[in-house]
């Protein structure tokens, strides 16, 4: 049941142009806050809000990403829907972590994809890797997004609502065509098996398939589907593709975000090691 307060928040998020998944996450954050105090969220005061964030940090030991999405959702509700500007929001943001992403080698990617049994999962995961897509971008591909003549994939409404074009390798185009003829959905490349294929597939099945394939491959890295995107960017950089071009393909707003992959390229690391060896040569002789 949607209350007037919840409906107002939904409308506020729609006016701000927030993505559907962002809206769902924000609503969940506010709902969990209300459940914690067993009362309507508009009845919660600033000190209770402060204690809630302390609870997430000290008792729940919530991950930084969890704390951040809770902060963003709750902050949106109180500032935009209720019009409350509280100082608590100024200092509760968790510190930024500087972690390098997990990256798979080309051989490891091939091994994992080779362990994916079902055709629709293999086609989707292969496309995600070969085009550097986010999970939702892969699941929501439509027939009209494929430019087979120019071998381009139109990624619509990516993160931040931005569109972009990425190269579509010919083997992936052939793979998608082979899979599409098994269902011939007029809209979706990967249609849901429910509601007569009116919606795209959800993420749960493909996440389970990737996890099972990772386990079967024997690879011990803590990889996720998003690791395929990180790996693709690193492999392009190792192959000599300009960082600025990779930034465009990934849809990154800042080159600093893409530059993280320079820390993970094997040729670059090998060159640095050789240079260090030369500097240190004879140092202890």
Protein backbone atom coordinates (compact mmCIF):
# COMPACT_ATOMS: atom_id res chain seq x y z
CA UNK A 1 0.00 0.00 0.00
CA UNK A 2 1.36 3.41 -1.01
CA UNK A 3 0.86 6.13 1.58
CA UNK A 4 0.56 9.81 0.58
CA UNK A 5 4.03 10.41 2.05
CA UNK A 6 5.59 7.59 0.05
CA UNK A 7 3.80 8.78 -3.10
CA UNK A 8 5.13 12.30 -2.60
CA UNK A 9 8.68 10.99 -2.31
CA UNK A 10 8.21 8.92 -5.47
CA UNK A 11 6.97 11.99 -7.32
CA UNK A 12 9.88 14.07 -6.01
CA UNK A 13 12.34 11.45 -7.26
CA UNK A 14 10.61 11.33 -10.63
CA UNK A 15 10.86 15.11 -10.92
CA UNK A 16 14.60 14.86 -10.22
CA UNK A 17 14.91 12.23 -12.95
CA UNK A 18 16.31 9.49 -10.71
CA UNK A 19 16.61 6.04 -12.26
CA UNK A 20 14.07 3.37 -11.29
CA UNK A 21 16.63 1.30 -9.40
CA UNK A 22 17.82 4.39 -7.52
CA UNK A 23 14.23 5.14 -6.55
CA UNK A 24 13.79 1.59 -5.27
CA UNK A 25 16.98 1.83 -3.20
CA UNK A 26 15.98 5.19 -1.71
CA UNK A 27 12.51 3.95 -0.80
CA UNK A 28 14.00 0.86 0.84
CA UNK A 29 16.40 3.00 2.89
CA UNK A 30 13.53 5.12 4.25
CA UNK A 31 11.36 2.04 4.89
CA UNK A 32 14.15 0.40 6.90
CA UNK A 33 14.57 3.58 8.94
CA UNK A 34 10.85 3.64 9.71
CA UNK A 35 10.90 -0.03 10.72
CA UNK A 36 13.84 0.57 13.03
CA UNK A 37 11.87 3.12 15.05
CA UNK A 38 8.42 1.58 14.45
CA UNK A 39 6.91 4.87 13.34
CA UNK A 40 6.34 7.00 10.28
CA UNK A 41 9.62 8.47 9.02
CA UNK A 42 8.27 12.02 9.15
CA UNK A 43 7.97 11.60 12.94
CA UNK A 44 11.69 10.85 13.36
CA UNK A 45 13.80 13.67 14.79
CA UNK A 46 17.40 14.61 14.04
CA UNK A 47 18.89 12.92 17.12
CA UNK A 48 17.10 9.67 16.26
CA UNK A 49 18.49 9.95 12.75
CA UNK A 50 21.98 10.47 14.13
CA UNK A 51 21.63 7.40 16.33
CA UNK A 52 20.41 5.36 13.37
CA UNK A 53 23.56 6.06 11.38
CA UNK A 54 25.64 5.16 14.43
CA UNK A 55 23.67 1.92 14.62
CA UNK A 56 24.47 1.11 10.99
CA UNK A 57 28.17 1.79 11.56
CA UNK A 58 28.82 0.37 15.03
CA UNK A 59 26.28 -2.44 15.42
CA UNK A 60 25.35 -3.53 11.91
CA UNK A 61 28.90 -2.92 10.64
CA UNK A 62 27.33 -2.03 7.32
CA UNK A 63 29.59 -1.76 4.28
CA UNK A 64 30.47 1.67 2.98
CA UNK A 65 28.23 1.20 -0.07
CA UNK A 66 25.29 0.28 2.18
CA UNK A 67 25.85 3.32 4.41
CA UNK A 68 26.13 5.57 1.37
CA UNK A 69 22.87 4.43 -0.25
CA UNK A 70 21.08 4.75 3.11
CA UNK A 71 22.45 8.25 3.55
CA UNK A 72 21.48 9.32 0.02
CA UNK A 73 17.97 7.91 0.27
CA UNK A 74 17.23 9.23 3.74
CA UNK A 75 18.81 12.60 2.94
CA UNK A 76 16.66 12.92 -0.17
CA UNK A 77 13.52 12.15 1.83
CA UNK A 78 14.19 14.65 4.62
CA UNK A 79 15.61 17.44 2.48
CA UNK A 80 13.45 17.27 -0.63
CA UNK A 81 10.22 15.60 0.47
CA UNK A 82 10.01 17.06 4.00
CA UNK A 83 12.11 20.18 3.47
CA UNK A 84 14.28 19.60 6.57
CA UNK A 85 17.87 20.83 6.35
CA UNK A 86 19.66 19.05 9.20
CA UNK A 87 23.36 19.39 10.03
CA UNK A 88 23.61 15.64 10.61
CA UNK A 89 23.73 15.12 6.87
CA UNK A 90 26.90 17.21 6.64
CA UNK A 91 29.17 14.80 8.50
CA UNK A 92 27.72 11.30 8.37
CA UNK A 93 29.02 10.39 4.91
CA UNK A 94 31.44 7.44 5.24
CA UNK A 95 35.04 8.06 4.10
CA UNK A 96 35.86 7.18 0.51
CA UNK A 97 37.69 3.90 0.10
CA UNK A 98 40.52 3.65 -2.40
CA UNK A 99 40.34 0.02 -3.42
CA UNK A 100 41.50 -1.35 -6.75
CA UNK A 101 38.90 -3.52 -8.49
CA UNK A 102 39.40 -7.22 -9.08
CA UNK A 103 40.56 -7.96 -12.65
CA UNK A 104 40.47 -11.27 -14.50
CA UNK A 105 42.94 -12.25 -17.19
CA UNK A 106 41.64 -12.99 -20.68
CA UNK A 107 42.20 -16.68 -20.00
CA UNK A 108 40.21 -16.49 -16.76
CA UNK A 109 37.31 -14.74 -18.50
CA UNK A 110 37.30 -17.44 -21.19
CA UNK A 111 37.35 -20.15 -18.52
CA UNK A 112 34.41 -18.68 -16.59
CA UNK A 113 32.25 -18.08 -19.65
CA UNK A 114 33.03 -21.61 -20.80
CA UNK A 115 31.43 -22.91 -17.60
CA UNK A 116 28.12 -21.10 -18.23
CA UNK A 117 25.71 -23.78 -19.46
CA UNK A 118 22.49 -22.03 -20.41
CA UNK A 119 22.47 -20.18 -23.71
CA UNK A 120 20.74 -17.02 -22.49
CA UNK A 121 23.14 -16.61 -19.57
CA UNK A 122 26.21 -17.21 -21.74
CA UNK A 123 24.97 -14.78 -24.41
CA UNK A 124 24.27 -12.08 -21.83
CA UNK A 125 27.52 -12.48 -19.88
CA UNK A 126 29.56 -12.63 -23.09
CA UNK A 127 27.94 -9.38 -24.27
CA UNK A 128 28.54 -7.69 -20.92
CA UNK A 129 32.24 -8.54 -21.12
CA UNK A 130 32.77 -7.89 -24.83
CA UNK A 131 31.07 -4.47 -24.68
CA UNK A 132 32.12 -3.36 -21.19
CA UNK A 133 28.55 -3.11 -19.91
CA UNK A 134 27.07 -2.82 -16.46
CA UNK A 135 24.72 -5.65 -15.50
CA UNK A 136 21.51 -3.67 -15.99
CA UNK A 137 22.77 -2.26 -19.28
CA UNK A 138 23.22 -5.81 -20.55
CA UNK A 139 19.86 -7.07 -19.31
CA UNK A 140 17.96 -4.12 -20.79
CA UNK A 141 19.36 -4.35 -24.32
CA UNK A 142 16.70 -3.95 -26.99
CA UNK A 143 16.62 -5.10 -30.59
CA UNK A 144 16.72 -1.49 -31.79
CA UNK A 145 19.92 -0.84 -29.83
CA UNK A 146 21.96 -2.98 -32.21
CA UNK A 147 23.48 -1.32 -35.27
CA UNK A 148 24.60 -4.38 -37.20
CA UNK A 149 25.85 -2.40 -40.20
CA UNK A 150 28.30 -0.28 -38.20
CA UNK A 151 28.85 -2.97 -35.54
CA UNK A 152 27.86 -0.62 -32.74
CA UNK A 153 25.77 -1.09 -29.62
CA UNK A 154 23.67 1.85 -28.43
CA UNK A 155 23.67 1.82 -24.62
CA UNK A 156 20.57 3.78 -23.62
CA UNK A 157 19.98 5.37 -20.23
CA UNK A 158 23.20 4.18 -18.65
CA UNK A 159 24.37 5.37 -15.25
CA UNK A 160 23.36 9.00 -14.80
CA UNK A 161 20.87 8.67 -17.66
CA UNK A 162 23.63 8.98 -20.26
CA UNK A 163 23.61 7.28 -23.66
CA UNK A 164 26.74 6.04 -25.41
CA UNK A 165 27.88 3.85 -28.30
CA UNK A 166 30.32 0.97 -27.84
CA UNK A 167 31.86 -1.34 -30.44
CA UNK A 168 29.96 -4.59 -31.02
CA UNK A 169 32.34 -7.41 -31.99
CA UNK A 170 31.10 -9.52 -34.91
CA UNK A 171 31.23 -12.80 -32.92
CA UNK A 172 28.97 -11.22 -30.26
CA UNK A 173 26.54 -10.01 -32.94
CA UNK A 174 26.38 -13.57 -34.29
CA UNK A 175 25.88 -14.94 -30.76
CA UNK A 176 23.03 -12.51 -30.07
CA UNK A 177 21.37 -13.39 -33.37
CA UNK A 178 21.56 -17.10 -32.57
CA UNK A 179 20.00 -16.51 -29.19
CA UNK A 180 17.33 -14.08 -30.42
CA UNK A 181 15.86 -16.57 -32.89
CA UNK A 182 15.06 -18.84 -29.93
CA UNK A 183 12.43 -16.37 -28.67
CA UNK A 184 11.99 -13.65 -31.37
CA UNK A 185 10.82 -11.05 -28.87
CA UNK A 186 10.11 -7.83 -30.81
CA UNK A 187 11.60 -5.60 -28.10
CA UNK A 188 14.06 -7.27 -25.74
CA UNK A 189 17.24 -9.19 -26.48
CA UNK A 190 16.94 -10.93 -23.11
CA UNK A 191 13.18 -11.00 -22.35
CA UNK A 192 11.73 -12.19 -19.08
CA UNK A 193 10.14 -15.62 -19.08
CA UNK A 194 7.22 -14.04 -17.21
CA UNK A 195 4.48 -11.68 -18.43
CA UNK A 196 4.88 -12.93 -22.00
CA UNK A 197 8.27 -11.27 -22.28
CA UNK A 198 6.99 -7.73 -21.83
CA UNK A 199 9.93 -6.91 -19.53
CA UNK A 200 13.64 -7.76 -19.62
CA UNK A 201 15.10 -10.49 -17.44
CA UNK A 202 15.88 -9.71 -13.83
CA UNK A 203 19.41 -9.85 -12.36
CA UNK A 204 19.03 -12.75 -9.90
CA UNK A 205 19.29 -15.66 -12.34
CA UNK A 206 22.33 -14.36 -14.19
CA UNK A 207 24.11 -13.53 -10.93
CA UNK A 208 23.60 -17.10 -9.74
CA UNK A 209 24.82 -18.42 -13.08
CA UNK A 210 28.01 -16.33 -12.90
CA UNK A 211 28.69 -17.40 -9.32
CA UNK A 212 28.26 -21.07 -10.25
CA UNK A 213 30.54 -20.71 -13.28
CA UNK A 214 33.19 -18.94 -11.21
CA UNK A 215 33.11 -21.78 -8.68
CA UNK A 216 33.28 -24.44 -11.39
CA UNK A 217 36.21 -22.70 -13.10
CA UNK A 218 38.27 -23.03 -9.93
CA UNK A 219 39.25 -19.34 -10.02
CA UNK A 220 39.64 -18.06 -6.46
CA UNK A 221 39.37 -14.32 -7.17
CA UNK A 222 36.34 -12.61 -5.54
CA UNK A 223 34.88 -11.74 -8.92
CA UNK A 224 31.36 -10.53 -9.73
CA UNK A 225 29.63 -9.75 -13.00
CA UNK A 226 30.90 -6.18 -12.71
CA UNK A 227 34.43 -7.64 -12.70
CA UNK A 228 33.89 -8.44 -16.39
CA UNK A 229 33.57 -4.71 -17.09
CA UNK A 230 36.73 -3.90 -15.12
CA UNK A 231 38.57 -6.69 -16.92
CA UNK A 232 37.41 -5.51 -20.36
CA UNK A 233 38.69 -1.98 -19.70
CA UNK A 234 42.03 -3.30 -18.45
CA UNK A 235 42.41 -5.61 -21.45
CA UNK A 236 41.73 -2.72 -23.85
CA UNK A 237 44.34 -0.59 -22.11
CA UNK A 238 46.86 -3.44 -22.28
CA UNK A 239 46.12 -3.74 -26.01
CA UNK A 240 47.10 -0.09 -26.51
CA UNK A 241 43.65 1.55 -26.73
CA UNK A 242 43.79 5.20 -25.69
CA UNK A 243 42.53 5.87 -22.15
CA UNK A 244 40.27 8.70 -23.39
CA UNK A 245 38.53 6.33 -25.80
CA UNK A 246 38.04 3.75 -23.04
CA UNK A 247 36.53 6.49 -20.90
CA UNK A 248 33.95 7.19 -23.60
CA UNK A 249 33.14 3.50 -24.01
CA UNK A 250 32.66 3.06 -20.27
CA UNK A 251 30.53 6.20 -19.95
CA UNK A 252 32.74 7.71 -17.24
CA UNK A 253 32.24 11.41 -16.63
CA UNK A 254 35.78 11.93 -15.35
CA UNK A 255 39.06 10.61 -16.80
CA UNK A 256 40.24 10.11 -13.20
CA UNK A 257 37.69 7.31 -12.83
CA UNK A 258 39.07 5.50 -15.88
CA UNK A 259 42.68 6.13 -14.90
CA UNK A 260 42.39 3.53 -12.12
CA UNK A 261 42.91 0.83 -14.77
CA UNK A 262 46.44 2.06 -15.40
CA UNK A 263 47.34 0.50 -12.05
CA UNK A 264 46.31 -2.94 -13.26
CA UNK A 265 47.76 -3.30 -16.74
CA UNK A 266 50.36 -6.06 -16.99
CA UNK A 267 52.55 -4.44 -19.68
CA UNK A 268 52.73 -1.24 -17.63
CA UNK A 269 53.62 -3.15 -14.49
CA UNK A 270 56.27 -5.20 -16.34
CA UNK A 271 57.85 -2.02 -17.69
CA UNK A 272 57.94 -0.50 -14.22
CA UNK A 273 59.49 -3.64 -12.73
CA UNK A 274 62.22 -3.67 -15.38
CA UNK A 275 62.96 -0.01 -14.71
CA UNK A 276 63.15 -0.62 -10.97
CA UNK A 277 65.45 -3.60 -11.52
CA UNK A 278 67.78 -1.42 -13.57
CA UNK A 279 67.84 1.29 -10.91
CA UNK A 280 68.63 -1.24 -8.18
CA UNK A 281 71.08 -3.28 -10.25
CA UNK A 282 74.33 -3.59 -8.33
CA UNK A 283 73.02 -1.63 -5.35
CA UNK A 284 73.90 -4.41 -2.90
CA UNK A 285 76.99 -5.72 -4.66
